[in-house]
Amino acid sequence: MSEQSERRYPVEPRAPNVLAVDVGGSHVKAVLNGVDERRRFASGTSLSAQQMVDGVLEMTSDWEYVGVSVGVPAPVVDGRVVRDPFNLGEGWKGFDFEKAFGKPTRLINDAAMQALGSYEGGRMLFLGLGTGLGTTLIIDGFIVPMEVQHMPFRKTTFEDYVGERGLERLGVKRWRKALLEVIDVYVAAFSPDYVVLGGGNARVLGELPPNCRLGHNEDAFLGGFRLWIEARDNSAEQ
């Protein structure tokens, strides 16, 4: 068995020793490229951007890295968060993460970061099923972050039905039915070659629809590492 297959967390040989930070609604997780260890601390609805940075710096104080990738559950434009996350605290919009970390920092939507780590070429639709619903399209290596999860669906929004709140409200059987309907809508709208279902609740679905596969939460860290590879390599062809 190869060393790579025995690892719990990914490594990207083409990238430098960067720190990938995955900011979620329940935890903030970090993995250093080349180190087979994940560290985390609790997040929650009151977590601010500065508190997140402080927590990451504290828990990784013995790690050395040349840059940071941060995946946040909010839209990102030109390297800045443009709206505070729905499931976290305030102070994210416009926050200067590079200044706060004191190192070169690349910021991306969290679903887009996991999507990049899941990508195997072509036209891929990624759906992140966690606290909320993350949506990303990658077309021939180009990342297209989306916020379609907040568009109207039935009586509320897509996210309200297939995010954590929807699972708790509907129960597993009705949640699965709603999710299958959402997948059908998105496939009809975006015509992907394949769909990757990531996030902690993806495995609740059971039998997968045609042309869908499960992603892995660890793919988010691989996506963070891949952000530091030259753009021409971001198609991640193996």
Protein backbone atom coordinates (compact mmCIF):
# COMPACT_ATOMS: atom_id res chain seq x y z
CA MET A 1 0.00 0.00 0.00
CA SER A 2 1.39 3.40 -0.96
CA GLU A 3 2.12 6.16 1.52
CA GLN A 4 -0.49 8.37 -0.17
CA SER A 5 -3.25 5.75 0.22
CA GLU A 6 -2.50 5.46 3.93
CA ARG A 7 -2.90 9.19 4.55
CA ARG A 8 -5.98 10.57 6.26
CA TYR A 9 -5.54 14.04 4.81
CA PRO A 10 -4.44 15.05 1.31
CA VAL A 11 -1.14 16.41 0.07
CA GLU A 12 -0.48 18.34 -3.14
CA PRO A 13 3.17 17.97 -4.25
CA ARG A 14 2.81 20.76 -6.82
CA ALA A 15 1.90 23.32 -4.13
CA PRO A 16 4.14 24.84 -1.42
CA ASN A 17 3.64 24.26 2.31
CA VAL A 18 0.44 26.30 2.60
CA LEU A 19 -2.20 26.10 5.31
CA ALA A 20 -5.75 25.30 4.13
CA VAL A 21 -8.50 26.55 6.43
CA ASP A 22 -12.08 25.32 6.00
CA VAL A 23 -14.55 27.57 7.84
CA GLY A 24 -17.80 25.75 8.59
CA GLY A 25 -20.93 26.48 10.55
CA SER A 26 -19.91 24.16 13.39
CA HIS A 27 -16.09 24.00 13.20
CA VAL A 28 -13.05 25.73 11.72
CA LYS A 29 -10.61 23.09 10.42
CA ALA A 30 -7.03 23.42 9.20
CA VAL A 31 -4.55 21.13 7.45
CA LEU A 32 -0.97 21.96 6.44
CA ASN A 33 0.15 20.67 3.05
CA GLY A 34 2.41 17.70 3.66
CA VAL A 35 1.36 17.15 7.28
CA ASP A 36 -1.11 14.31 7.85
CA GLU A 37 -3.00 15.98 10.69
CA ARG A 38 -6.16 18.08 10.99
CA ARG A 39 -6.74 20.61 13.73
CA ARG A 40 -10.05 22.28 14.53
CA PHE A 41 -12.03 24.39 16.96
CA ALA A 42 -15.75 25.16 17.34
CA SER A 43 -17.25 28.00 15.31
CA GLY A 44 -20.96 28.87 15.60
CA THR A 45 -23.31 31.76 14.98
CA SER A 46 -21.28 34.36 16.90
CA LEU A 47 -17.87 33.68 15.30
CA SER A 48 -16.33 36.80 13.75
CA ALA A 49 -13.61 36.88 11.10
CA GLN A 50 -11.02 38.14 13.59
CA GLN A 51 -11.93 35.42 16.09
CA MET A 52 -11.51 32.83 13.34
CA VAL A 53 -8.04 34.13 12.45
CA ASP A 54 -7.02 34.30 16.11
CA GLY A 55 -8.17 30.73 16.66
CA VAL A 56 -6.30 29.43 13.61
CA LEU A 57 -3.10 31.25 14.56
CA GLU A 58 -3.28 29.87 18.09
CA MET A 59 -3.89 26.25 17.14
CA THR A 60 -1.22 26.25 14.40
CA SER A 61 1.46 28.20 16.26
CA ASP A 62 3.94 25.33 15.94
CA TRP A 63 3.41 24.95 12.16
CA GLU A 64 5.44 26.85 9.58
CA TYR A 65 3.78 27.80 6.30
CA VAL A 66 4.31 30.30 3.50
CA GLY A 67 0.68 31.13 2.77
CA VAL A 68 -2.92 30.49 3.73
CA SER A 69 -6.02 29.39 1.82
CA VAL A 70 -9.35 30.16 3.48
CA GLY A 71 -12.70 28.75 2.41
CA VAL A 72 -15.61 30.75 3.83
CA PRO A 73 -19.37 30.06 3.58
CA ALA A 74 -20.07 33.38 1.84
CA PRO A 75 -19.64 34.96 -1.60
CA VAL A 76 -16.10 36.13 -2.35
CA VAL A 77 -15.25 38.73 -5.01
CA ASP A 78 -11.73 39.97 -5.76
CA GLY A 79 -10.38 38.28 -2.65
CA ARG A 80 -12.88 39.84 -0.23
CA VAL A 81 -16.04 38.56 1.42
CA VAL A 82 -18.95 40.64 0.10
CA ARG A 83 -21.58 39.52 2.62
CA ASP A 84 -21.40 38.15 6.14
CA PRO A 85 -22.05 34.38 6.24
CA PHE A 86 -25.58 33.31 7.13
CA ASN A 87 -24.43 30.79 9.74
CA LEU A 88 -21.64 32.73 11.45
CA GLY A 89 -21.17 36.08 13.22
CA GLU A 90 -20.45 39.56 11.87
CA GLY A 91 -17.29 41.28 10.67
CA TRP A 92 -16.54 39.11 7.63
CA LYS A 93 -17.56 41.52 4.88
CA GLY A 94 -14.47 43.32 3.56
CA PHE A 95 -12.19 41.82 6.21
CA ASP A 96 -8.48 41.86 5.27
CA PHE A 97 -7.47 38.24 5.91
CA GLU A 98 -3.97 38.66 4.49
CA LYS A 99 -3.22 41.46 6.93
CA ALA A 100 -4.71 39.49 9.82
CA PHE A 101 -2.73 36.31 9.06
CA GLY A 102 0.42 38.24 8.22
CA LYS A 103 1.05 35.96 5.22
CA PRO A 104 -0.07 35.76 1.60
CA THR A 105 -3.67 34.58 1.72
CA ARG A 106 -6.06 33.32 -0.93
CA LEU A 107 -9.74 33.55 -0.09
CA ILE A 108 -12.46 31.49 -1.74
CA ASN A 109 -16.01 30.35 -1.10
CA ASP A 110 -15.92 27.14 0.95
CA ALA A 111 -17.98 25.13 -1.52
CA ALA A 112 -15.71 26.30 -4.34
CA MET A 113 -12.65 25.19 -2.37
CA GLN A 114 -14.05 21.71 -1.80
CA ALA A 115 -15.23 21.58 -5.40
CA LEU A 116 -11.70 22.32 -6.64
CA GLY A 117 -10.41 19.45 -4.52
CA SER A 118 -13.07 17.14 -5.98
CA TYR A 119 -12.61 18.14 -9.60
CA GLU A 120 -11.68 15.54 -12.22
CA GLY A 121 -12.08 17.55 -15.42
CA GLY A 122 -14.95 18.55 -17.68
CA ARG A 123 -18.07 20.28 -16.41
CA MET A 124 -18.71 19.48 -12.74
CA LEU A 125 -21.50 20.61 -10.43
CA PHE A 126 -20.64 20.48 -6.74
CA LEU A 127 -23.25 20.56 -3.98
CA GLY A 128 -22.02 20.86 -0.39
CA LEU A 129 -24.54 19.42 2.06
CA GLY A 130 -23.64 20.67 5.51
CA THR A 131 -24.93 23.37 7.82
CA GLY A 132 -26.17 25.10 4.67
CA LEU A 133 -25.99 24.29 0.96
CA GLY A 134 -22.91 25.21 -1.05
CA THR A 135 -23.04 25.34 -4.85
CA THR A 136 -20.18 25.57 -7.34
CA LEU A 137 -19.76 24.86 -11.03
CA ILE A 138 -16.34 24.14 -12.55
CA ILE A 139 -16.12 24.27 -16.35
CA ASP A 140 -12.89 23.08 -17.95
CA GLY A 141 -10.89 24.16 -14.91
CA PHE A 142 -12.58 27.52 -14.40
CA ILE A 143 -14.33 27.91 -11.03
CA VAL A 144 -17.81 29.46 -11.10
CA PRO A 145 -18.92 30.09 -7.47
CA MET A 146 -22.69 30.43 -7.17
CA GLU A 147 -25.24 31.54 -4.62
CA VAL A 148 -28.26 29.81 -6.16
CA GLN A 149 -28.94 28.05 -2.85
CA HIS A 150 -30.60 31.25 -1.61
CA MET A 151 -33.02 31.47 -4.54
CA PRO A 152 -36.71 30.65 -3.94
CA PHE A 153 -37.69 26.98 -3.80
CA ARG A 154 -41.15 25.78 -2.78
CA LYS A 155 -42.10 27.94 0.22
CA THR A 156 -38.62 29.20 1.18
CA THR A 157 -35.19 28.62 -0.46
CA PHE A 158 -33.17 25.66 -1.70
CA GLU A 159 -30.90 25.90 1.34
CA ASP A 160 -33.80 25.93 3.80
CA TYR A 161 -34.94 22.59 2.40
CA VAL A 162 -31.69 20.67 2.00
CA GLY A 163 -29.39 22.32 4.56
CA GLU A 164 -29.15 21.16 8.17
CA ARG A 165 -32.31 23.03 9.16
CA GLY A 166 -34.25 21.25 6.44
CA LEU A 167 -32.99 17.83 7.51
CA GLU A 168 -34.01 18.50 11.11
CA ARG A 169 -37.42 19.87 10.09
CA LEU A 170 -38.34 17.35 7.40
CA GLY A 171 -36.75 14.16 8.69
CA VAL A 172 -34.56 11.90 6.59
CA LYS A 173 -37.20 10.54 4.18
CA ARG A 174 -38.73 13.88 3.18
CA TRP A 175 -35.30 15.53 3.14
CA ARG A 176 -34.02 12.94 0.66
CA LYS A 177 -37.04 13.55 -1.56
CA ALA A 178 -36.44 17.32 -1.49
CA LEU A 179 -32.74 16.87 -2.23
CA LEU A 180 -33.43 14.65 -5.24
CA GLU A 181 -35.77 17.33 -6.56
CA VAL A 182 -33.10 20.01 -6.04
CA ILE A 183 -30.51 17.91 -7.86
CA ASP A 184 -32.92 17.46 -10.79
CA VAL A 185 -33.50 21.22 -10.97
CA TYR A 186 -29.79 22.06 -10.88
CA VAL A 187 -28.86 19.38 -13.43
CA ALA A 188 -31.52 20.70 -15.81
CA ALA A 189 -30.26 24.27 -15.31
CA PHE A 190 -26.47 23.71 -15.53
CA SER A 191 -26.09 20.52 -17.63
CA PRO A 192 -23.05 19.14 -15.78
CA ASP A 193 -21.10 16.11 -16.95
CA TYR A 194 -21.26 14.83 -13.38
CA VAL A 195 -22.35 15.92 -9.89
CA VAL A 196 -20.28 15.66 -6.72
CA LEU A 197 -22.14 15.66 -3.40
CA GLY A 198 -19.93 16.78 -0.52
CA GLY A 199 -20.46 17.86 3.06
CA GLY A 200 -21.32 15.91 6.16
CA ASN A 201 -24.92 15.18 5.18
CA ALA A 202 -24.18 13.77 1.71
CA ARG A 203 -24.11 10.23 3.07
CA VAL A 204 -27.63 10.57 4.44
CA LEU A 205 -28.91 10.44 0.87
CA GLY A 206 -28.34 6.69 0.54
CA GLU A 207 -28.62 5.51 -3.06
CA LEU A 208 -27.21 8.18 -5.36
CA PRO A 209 -28.95 9.52 -8.45
CA PRO A 210 -27.41 8.72 -11.86
CA ASN A 211 -24.15 10.50 -12.66
CA CYS A 212 -23.57 11.54 -9.03
CA ARG A 213 -20.74 10.57 -6.72
CA LEU A 214 -19.84 11.32 -3.13
CA GLY A 215 -17.10 13.79 -2.37
CA HIS A 216 -15.01 13.85 0.79
CA ASN A 217 -14.70 16.60 3.38
CA GLU A 218 -10.92 16.29 3.07
CA ASP A 219 -11.22 17.47 -0.55
CA ALA A 220 -11.62 21.00 0.80
CA PHE A 221 -8.01 20.98 1.98
CA LEU A 222 -6.79 19.63 -1.35
CA GLY A 223 -8.69 22.44 -3.05
CA GLY A 224 -6.98 24.94 -0.75
CA PHE A 225 -3.58 23.57 -1.75
CA ARG A 226 -4.51 23.61 -5.44
CA LEU A 227 -5.21 27.34 -5.24
CA TRP A 228 -1.45 27.82 -5.12
CA ILE A 229 -0.75 25.88 -8.31
CA GLU A 230 -0.34 27.91 -11.50
CA ALA A 231 -3.69 28.59 -13.17
CA ARG A 232 -2.78 26.41 -16.15
CA ASP A 233 -2.63 23.41 -13.81
CA ASN A 234 -5.92 24.06 -12.01
CA SER A 235 -7.75 21.60 -14.21
CA ALA A 236 -6.11 19.08 -11.85
CA GLU A 237 -5.61 16.48 -14.58
CA GLN A 238 -4.02 13.42 -13.08
